[in-house]
């Protein structure tokens, strides 16, 4: 496994977190920021923070996806 494969895997993981719908998926499971207000250092709090960070940074994810797609088209 090369470095580029690892970067692509992390990009796909970030895309998966970015498309999670808070109303449909996260709220019924109580995975919102309001549920963990005082407990951000727990594992659940860290995961919820990561999900919200990926959702907040959608524009950079789009740009990184375009770069990854173009590099795959050029270099195979």
PDB file of N, CA and C in Angstrom:
ATOM      1  N   UNK A   1       0.847  -1.165   0.000  1.00  0.00           N
ATOM      2  CA  UNK A   1       0.000   0.000   0.000  1.00  0.00           C
ATOM      3  C   UNK A   1       0.893   1.229   0.000  1.00  0.00           C
ATOM      4  N   UNK A   2       0.675   2.078  -0.954  1.00  0.00           N
ATOM      5  CA  UNK A   2       1.474   3.282  -1.061  1.00  0.00           C
ATOM      6  C   UNK A   2       0.831   4.463  -0.365  1.00  0.00           C
ATOM      7  N   UNK A   3       1.565   5.547  -0.359  1.00  0.00           N
ATOM      8  CA  UNK A   3       1.084   6.766   0.283  1.00  0.00           C
ATOM      9  C   UNK A   3      -0.167   7.293  -0.411  1.00  0.00           C
ATOM     10  N   UNK A   4      -0.191   7.246  -1.729  1.00  0.00           N
ATOM     11  CA  UNK A   4      -1.345   7.767  -2.471  1.00  0.00           C
ATOM     12  C   UNK A   4      -2.604   6.959  -2.176  1.00  0.00           C
ATOM     13  N   UNK A   5      -2.474   5.663  -2.004  1.00  0.00           N
ATOM     14  CA  UNK A   5      -3.619   4.818  -1.667  1.00  0.00           C
ATOM     15  C   UNK A   5      -4.151   5.182  -0.285  1.00  0.00           C
ATOM     16  N   UNK A   6      -3.262   5.463   0.640  1.00  0.00           N
ATOM     17  CA  UNK A   6      -3.673   5.879   1.980  1.00  0.00           C
ATOM     18  C   UNK A   6      -4.406   7.217   1.938  1.00  0.00           C
ATOM     19  N   UNK A   7      -3.907   8.158   1.144  1.00  0.00           N
ATOM     20  CA  UNK A   7      -4.560   9.460   1.015  1.00  0.00           C
ATOM     21  C   UNK A   7      -5.941   9.305   0.390  1.00  0.00           C
ATOM     22  N   UNK A   8      -6.062   8.458  -0.618  1.00  0.00           N
ATOM     23  CA  UNK A   8      -7.369   8.213  -1.237  1.00  0.00           C
ATOM     24  C   UNK A   8      -8.338   7.580  -0.253  1.00  0.00           C
ATOM     25  N   UNK A   9      -7.867   6.670   0.554  1.00  0.00           N
ATOM     26  CA  UNK A   9      -8.723   6.042   1.565  1.00  0.00           C
ATOM     27  C   UNK A   9      -9.210   7.047   2.592  1.00  0.00           C
ATOM     28  N   UNK A  10      -8.334   7.925   3.045  1.00  0.00           N
ATOM     29  CA  UNK A  10      -8.739   8.966   3.992  1.00  0.00           C
ATOM     30  C   UNK A  10      -9.718   9.946   3.359  1.00  0.00           C
ATOM     31  N   UNK A  11      -9.526  10.240   2.085  1.00  0.00           N
ATOM     32  CA  UNK A  11     -10.450  11.124   1.375  1.00  0.00           C
ATOM     33  C   UNK A  11     -11.830  10.478   1.253  1.00  0.00           C
ATOM     34  N   UNK A  12     -11.879   9.202   0.950  1.00  0.00           N
ATOM     35  CA  UNK A  12     -13.162   8.499   0.881  1.00  0.00           C
ATOM     36  C   UNK A  12     -13.845   8.449   2.244  1.00  0.00           C
ATOM     37  N   UNK A  13     -13.071   8.254   3.304  1.00  0.00           N
ATOM     38  CA  UNK A  13     -13.625   8.240   4.658  1.00  0.00           C
ATOM     39  C   UNK A  13     -14.186   9.612   5.025  1.00  0.00           C
ATOM     40  N   UNK A  14     -13.477  10.672   4.679  1.00  0.00           N
ATOM     41  CA  UNK A  14     -13.961  12.032   4.946  1.00  0.00           C
ATOM     42  C   UNK A  14     -15.230  12.317   4.152  1.00  0.00           C
ATOM     43  N   UNK A  15     -15.304  11.826   2.922  1.00  0.00           N
ATOM     44  CA  UNK A  15     -16.522  11.988   2.120  1.00  0.00           C
ATOM     45  C   UNK A  15     -17.696  11.271   2.770  1.00  0.00           C
ATOM     46  N   UNK A  16     -17.454  10.075   3.295  1.00  0.00           N
ATOM     47  CA  UNK A  16     -18.525   9.315   3.940  1.00  0.00           C
ATOM     48  C   UNK A  16     -19.043  10.049   5.172  1.00  0.00           C
ATOM     49  N   UNK A  17     -18.158  10.666   5.928  1.00  0.00           N
ATOM     50  CA  UNK A  17     -18.592  11.407   7.110  1.00  0.00           C
ATOM     51  C   UNK A  17     -19.306  12.702   6.733  1.00  0.00           C
ATOM     52  N   UNK A  18     -18.896  13.302   5.630  1.00  0.00           N
ATOM     53  CA  UNK A  18     -19.466  14.583   5.222  1.00  0.00           C
ATOM     54  C   UNK A  18     -20.901  14.463   4.730  1.00  0.00           C
ATOM     55  N   UNK A  19     -21.294  13.298   4.253  1.00  0.00           N
ATOM     56  CA  UNK A  19     -22.640  13.174   3.695  1.00  0.00           C
ATOM     57  C   UNK A  19     -23.663  12.664   4.702  1.00  0.00           C
ATOM     58  N   UNK A  20     -23.238  12.399   5.939  1.00  0.00           N
ATOM     59  CA  UNK A  20     -24.194  11.946   6.944  1.00  0.00           C
ATOM     60  C   UNK A  20     -25.184  13.062   7.257  1.00  0.00           C
ATOM     61  N   UNK A  21     -26.458  12.757   7.200  1.00  0.00           N
ATOM     62  CA  UNK A  21     -27.505  13.732   7.465  1.00  0.00           C
ATOM     63  C   UNK A  21     -27.771  13.777   8.967  1.00  0.00           C
ATOM     64  N   UNK A  22     -27.680  14.968   9.542  1.00  0.00           N
ATOM     65  CA  UNK A  22     -27.841  15.083  10.989  1.00  0.00           C
ATOM     66  C   UNK A  22     -29.269  14.778  11.428  1.00  0.00           C
ATOM     67  N   UNK A  23     -30.261  15.233  10.676  1.00  0.00           N
ATOM     68  CA  UNK A  23     -31.648  15.016  11.075  1.00  0.00           C
ATOM     69  C   UNK A  23     -32.072  13.555  10.943  1.00  0.00           C
ATOM     70  N   UNK A  24     -31.664  12.902   9.888  1.00  0.00           N
ATOM     71  CA  UNK A  24     -32.089  11.523   9.649  1.00  0.00           C
ATOM     72  C   UNK A  24     -31.251  10.480  10.361  1.00  0.00           C
ATOM     73  N   UNK A  25     -29.954  10.703  10.417  1.00  0.00           N
ATOM     74  CA  UNK A  25     -29.063   9.650  10.898  1.00  0.00           C
ATOM     75  C   UNK A  25     -28.497   9.930  12.289  1.00  0.00           C
ATOM     76  N   UNK A  26     -28.006  11.129  12.504  1.00  0.00           N
ATOM     77  CA  UNK A  26     -27.286  11.410  13.741  1.00  0.00           C
ATOM     78  C   UNK A  26     -28.207  11.724  14.916  1.00  0.00           C
ATOM     79  N   UNK A  27     -29.247  12.512  14.702  1.00  0.00           N
ATOM     80  CA  UNK A  27     -30.128  12.916  15.804  1.00  0.00           C
ATOM     81  C   UNK A  27     -30.867  11.738  16.446  1.00  0.00           C
ATOM     82  N   UNK A  28     -31.423  10.788  15.697  1.00  0.00           N
ATOM     83  CA  UNK A  28     -32.081   9.657  16.367  1.00  0.00           C
ATOM     84  C   UNK A  28     -31.136   8.809  17.214  1.00  0.00           C
ATOM     85  N   UNK A  29     -29.863   8.829  16.900  1.00  0.00           N
ATOM     86  CA  UNK A  29     -28.877   8.065  17.666  1.00  0.00           C
ATOM     87  C   UNK A  29     -28.199   8.915  18.740  1.00  0.00           C
ATOM     88  N   UNK A  30     -28.660  10.165  18.888  1.00  0.00           N
ATOM     89  CA  UNK A  30     -28.125  11.140  19.852  1.00  0.00           C
ATOM     90  C   UNK A  30     -26.638  11.402  19.629  1.00  0.00           C
ATOM     91  N   UNK A  31     -26.275  11.626  18.373  1.00  0.00           N
ATOM     92  CA  UNK A  31     -24.894  11.935  18.012  1.00  0.00           C
ATOM     93  C   UNK A  31     -24.811  13.364  17.504  1.00  0.00           C
ATOM     94  N   UNK A  32     -25.379  14.297  18.235  1.00  0.00           N
ATOM     95  CA  UNK A  32     -25.308  15.705  17.853  1.00  0.00           C
ATOM     96  C   UNK A  32     -24.394  16.437  18.825  1.00  0.00           C
ATOM     97  N   UNK A  33     -24.004  17.652  18.467  1.00  0.00           N
ATOM     98  CA  UNK A  33     -23.133  18.435  19.334  1.00  0.00           C
ATOM     99  C   UNK A  33     -23.838  18.841  20.627  1.00  0.00           C
ATOM    100  N   UNK A  34     -25.151  18.972  20.577  1.00  0.00           N
ATOM    101  CA  UNK A  34     -25.890  19.350  21.782  1.00  0.00           C
ATOM    102  C   UNK A  34     -25.883  18.236  22.827  1.00  0.00           C
ATOM    103  N   UNK A  35     -25.778  17.001  22.394  1.00  0.00           N
ATOM    104  CA  UNK A  35     -25.795  15.861  23.323  1.00  0.00           C
ATOM    105  C   UNK A  35     -24.495  15.728  24.102  1.00  0.00           C
ATOM    106  N   UNK A  36     -23.392  16.261  23.587  1.00  0.00           N
ATOM    107  CA  UNK A  36     -22.085  16.041  24.220  1.00  0.00           C
ATOM    108  C   UNK A  36     -21.467  17.330  24.726  1.00  0.00           C
ATOM    109  N   UNK A  37     -22.264  18.293  25.121  1.00  0.00           N
ATOM    110  CA  UNK A  37     -21.751  19.622  25.445  1.00  0.00           C
ATOM    111  C   UNK A  37     -20.637  19.600  26.477  1.00  0.00           C
ATOM    112  N   UNK A  38     -20.716  18.821  27.499  1.00  0.00           N
ATOM    113  CA  UNK A  38     -19.683  18.829  28.514  1.00  0.00           C
ATOM    114  C   UNK A  38     -18.670  17.706  28.385  1.00  0.00           C
ATOM    115  N   UNK A  39     -18.876  16.799  27.449  1.00  0.00           N
ATOM    116  CA  UNK A  39     -18.049  15.594  27.366  1.00  0.00           C
ATOM    117  C   UNK A  39     -17.344  15.487  26.022  1.00  0.00           C
ATOM    118  N   UNK A  40     -16.596  16.473  25.641  1.00  0.00           N
ATOM    119  CA  UNK A  40     -15.927  16.441  24.333  1.00  0.00           C
ATOM    120  C   UNK A  40     -14.659  15.610  24.326  1.00  0.00           C
ATOM    121  N   UNK A  41     -14.154  15.242  25.487  1.00  0.00           N
ATOM    122  CA  UNK A  41     -12.920  14.468  25.542  1.00  0.00           C
ATOM    123  C   UNK A  41     -13.167  12.967  25.478  1.00  0.00           C
ATOM    124  N   UNK A  42     -14.415  12.541  25.492  1.00  0.00           N
ATOM    125  CA  UNK A  42     -14.709  11.122  25.384  1.00  0.00           C
ATOM    126  C   UNK A  42     -14.555  10.675  23.935  1.00  0.00           C
ATOM    127  N   UNK A  43     -14.524   9.373  23.730  1.00  0.00           N
ATOM    128  CA  UNK A  43     -14.396   8.838  22.366  1.00  0.00           C
ATOM    129  C   UNK A  43     -15.588   9.246  21.510  1.00  0.00           C
ATOM    130  N   UNK A  44     -16.780   9.158  22.081  1.00  0.00           N
ATOM    131  CA  UNK A  44     -17.977   9.556  21.344  1.00  0.00           C
ATOM    132  C   UNK A  44     -17.925  11.039  20.986  1.00  0.00           C
ATOM    133  N   UNK A  45     -17.468  11.868  21.909  1.00  0.00           N
ATOM    134  CA  UNK A  45     -17.349  13.294  21.643  1.00  0.00           C
ATOM    135  C   UNK A  45     -16.342  13.597  20.554  1.00  0.00           C
ATOM    136  N   UNK A  46     -15.241  12.871  20.526  1.00  0.00           N
ATOM    137  CA  UNK A  46     -14.225  13.064  19.487  1.00  0.00           C
ATOM    138  C   UNK A  46     -14.761  12.652  18.120  1.00  0.00           C
ATOM    139  N   UNK A  47     -15.505  11.554  18.059  1.00  0.00           N
ATOM    140  CA  UNK A  47     -16.076  11.094  16.791  1.00  0.00           C
ATOM    141  C   UNK A  47     -17.109  12.087  16.278  1.00  0.00           C
ATOM    142  N   UNK A  48     -17.960  12.586  17.175  1.00  0.00           N
ATOM    143  CA  UNK A  48     -18.966  13.567  16.767  1.00  0.00           C
ATOM    144  C   UNK A  48     -18.288  14.855  16.287  1.00  0.00           C
ATOM    145  N   UNK A  49     -17.225  15.257  16.945  1.00  0.00           N
ATOM    146  CA  UNK A  49     -16.482  16.429  16.494  1.00  0.00           C
ATOM    147  C   UNK A  49     -15.873  16.220  15.118  1.00  0.00           C
ATOM    148  N   UNK A  50     -15.354  15.017  14.858  1.00  0.00           N
ATOM    149  CA  UNK A  50     -14.796  14.703  13.542  1.00  0.00           C
ATOM    150  C   UNK A  50     -15.871  14.735  12.461  1.00  0.00           C
ATOM    151  N   UNK A  51     -17.042  14.197  12.771  1.00  0.00           N
ATOM    152  CA  UNK A  51     -18.152  14.206  11.808  1.00  0.00           C
ATOM    153  C   UNK A  51     -18.549  15.637  11.474  1.00  0.00           C
ATOM    154  N   UNK A  52     -18.668  16.472  12.469  1.00  0.00           N
ATOM    155  CA  UNK A  52     -19.069  17.856  12.218  1.00  0.00           C
ATOM    156  C   UNK A  52     -17.970  18.645  11.519  1.00  0.00           C
ATOM    157  N   UNK A  53     -16.725  18.335  11.784  1.00  0.00           N
ATOM    158  CA  UNK A  53     -15.633  19.008  11.071  1.00  0.00           C
ATOM    159  C   UNK A  53     -15.654  18.644   9.591  1.00  0.00           C
ATOM    160  N   UNK A  54     -15.909  17.378   9.284  1.00  0.00           N
ATOM    161  CA  UNK A  54     -15.985  16.959   7.878  1.00  0.00           C
ATOM    162  C   UNK A  54     -17.175  17.601   7.183  1.00  0.00           C
ATOM    163  N   UNK A  55     -18.288  17.753   7.904  1.00  0.00           N
ATOM    164  CA  UNK A  55     -19.453  18.393   7.308  1.00  0.00           C
ATOM    165  C   UNK A  55     -19.215  19.883   7.099  1.00  0.00           C
ATOM    166  N   UNK A  56     -18.453  20.496   7.981  1.00  0.00           N
ATOM    167  CA  UNK A  56     -18.170  21.923   7.876  1.00  0.00           C
ATOM    168  C   UNK A  56     -17.203  22.211   6.729  1.00  0.00           C
ATOM    169  N   UNK A  57     -16.296  21.298   6.442  1.00  0.00           N
ATOM    170  CA  UNK A  57     -15.263  21.506   5.423  1.00  0.00           C
ATOM    171  C   UNK A  57     -15.614  20.811   4.104  1.00  0.00           C
ATOM    172  N   UNK A  58     -16.833  20.971   3.649  1.00  0.00           N
ATOM    173  CA  UNK A  58     -17.254  20.313   2.409  1.00  0.00           C
ATOM    174  C   UNK A  58     -16.589  20.909   1.174  1.00  0.00           C
ATOM    175  N   UNK A  59     -16.406  22.217   1.140  1.00  0.00           N
ATOM    176  CA  UNK A  59     -15.788  22.847  -0.027  1.00  0.00           C
ATOM    177  C   UNK A  59     -14.351  22.374  -0.239  1.00  0.00           C
ATOM    178  N   UNK A  60     -13.506  22.332   0.789  1.00  0.00           N
ATOM    179  CA  UNK A  60     -12.175  21.760   0.572  1.00  0.00           C
ATOM    180  C   UNK A  60     -12.217  20.285   0.164  1.00  0.00           C
ATOM    181  N   UNK A  61     -13.211  19.541   0.655  1.00  0.00           N
ATOM    182  CA  UNK A  61     -13.349  18.147   0.237  1.00  0.00           C
ATOM    183  C   UNK A  61     -13.684  18.041  -1.248  1.00  0.00           C
ATOM    184  N   UNK A  62     -14.513  18.948  -1.725  1.00  0.00           N
ATOM    185  CA  UNK A  62     -14.849  18.951  -3.148  1.00  0.00           C
ATOM    186  C   UNK A  62     -13.605  19.223  -3.980  1.00  0.00           C
ATOM    187  N   UNK A  63     -12.804  20.179  -3.538  1.00  0.00           N
ATOM    188  CA  UNK A  63     -11.573  20.510  -4.264  1.00  0.00           C
ATOM    189  C   UNK A  63     -10.597  19.337  -4.246  1.00  0.00           C
ATOM    190  N   UNK A  64     -10.445  18.692  -3.081  1.00  0.00           N
ATOM    191  CA  UNK A  64      -9.567  17.521  -3.001  1.00  0.00           C
ATOM    192  C   UNK A  64     -10.073  16.366  -3.862  1.00  0.00           C
ATOM    193  N   UNK A  65     -11.392  16.204  -3.948  1.00  0.00           N
ATOM    194  CA  UNK A  65     -11.951  15.170  -4.826  1.00  0.00           C
ATOM    195  C   UNK A  65     -11.645  15.454  -6.287  1.00  0.00           C
ATOM    196  N   UNK A  66     -11.745  16.706  -6.686  1.00  0.00           N
ATOM    197  CA  UNK A  66     -11.436  17.076  -8.073  1.00  0.00           C
ATOM    198  C   UNK A  66      -9.969  16.795  -8.383  1.00  0.00           C
ATOM    199  N   UNK A  67      -9.086  17.134  -7.433  1.00  0.00           N
ATOM    200  CA  UNK A  67      -7.659  16.858  -7.629  1.00  0.00           C
ATOM    201  C   UNK A  67      -7.403  15.363  -7.740  1.00  0.00           C
ATOM    202  N   UNK A  68      -8.041  14.572  -6.884  1.00  0.00           N
ATOM    203  CA  UNK A  68      -7.845  13.115  -6.916  1.00  0.00           C
ATOM    204  C   UNK A  68      -8.369  12.517  -8.219  1.00  0.00           C
ATOM    205  N   UNK A  69      -9.516  12.992  -8.681  1.00  0.00           N
ATOM    206  CA  UNK A  69     -10.080  12.466  -9.922  1.00  0.00           C
ATOM    207  C   UNK A  69      -9.192  12.834 -11.113  1.00  0.00           C
ATOM    208  N   UNK A  70      -8.739  14.079 -11.156  1.00  0.00           N
ATOM    209  CA  UNK A  70      -7.869  14.501 -12.260  1.00  0.00           C
ATOM    210  C   UNK A  70      -6.556  13.741 -12.263  1.00  0.00           C
ATOM    211  N   UNK A  71      -5.986  13.496 -11.090  1.00  0.00           N
ATOM    212  CA  UNK A  71      -4.733  12.743 -11.040  1.00  0.00           C
ATOM    213  C   UNK A  71      -4.940  11.300 -11.445  1.00  0.00           C
ATOM    214  N   UNK A  72      -6.069  10.721 -11.110  1.00  0.00           N
ATOM    215  CA  UNK A  72      -6.362   9.359 -11.562  1.00  0.00           C
ATOM    216  C   UNK A  72      -6.540   9.303 -13.081  1.00  0.00           C
ATOM    217  N   UNK A  73      -7.154  10.343 -13.647  1.00  0.00           N
ATOM    218  CA  UNK A  73      -7.332  10.373 -15.095  1.00  0.00           C
ATOM    219  C   UNK A  73      -6.004  10.532 -15.825  1.00  0.00           C
ATOM    220  N   UNK A  74      -5.104  11.313 -15.263  1.00  0.00           N
ATOM    221  CA  UNK A  74      -3.826  11.564 -15.917  1.00  0.00           C
ATOM    222  C   UNK A  74      -2.847  10.425 -15.709  1.00  0.00           C
ATOM    223  N   UNK A  75      -2.702   9.972 -14.471  1.00  0.00           N
ATOM    224  CA  UNK A  75      -1.678   8.979 -14.154  1.00  0.00           C
ATOM    225  C   UNK A  75      -2.182   7.540 -14.091  1.00  0.00           C
ATOM    226  N   UNK A  76      -3.468   7.348 -14.161  1.00  0.00           N
ATOM    227  CA  UNK A  76      -4.017   5.993 -14.199  1.00  0.00           C
ATOM    228  C   UNK A  76      -4.282   5.429 -12.925  1.00  0.00           C
TER     229      UNK A  76
END
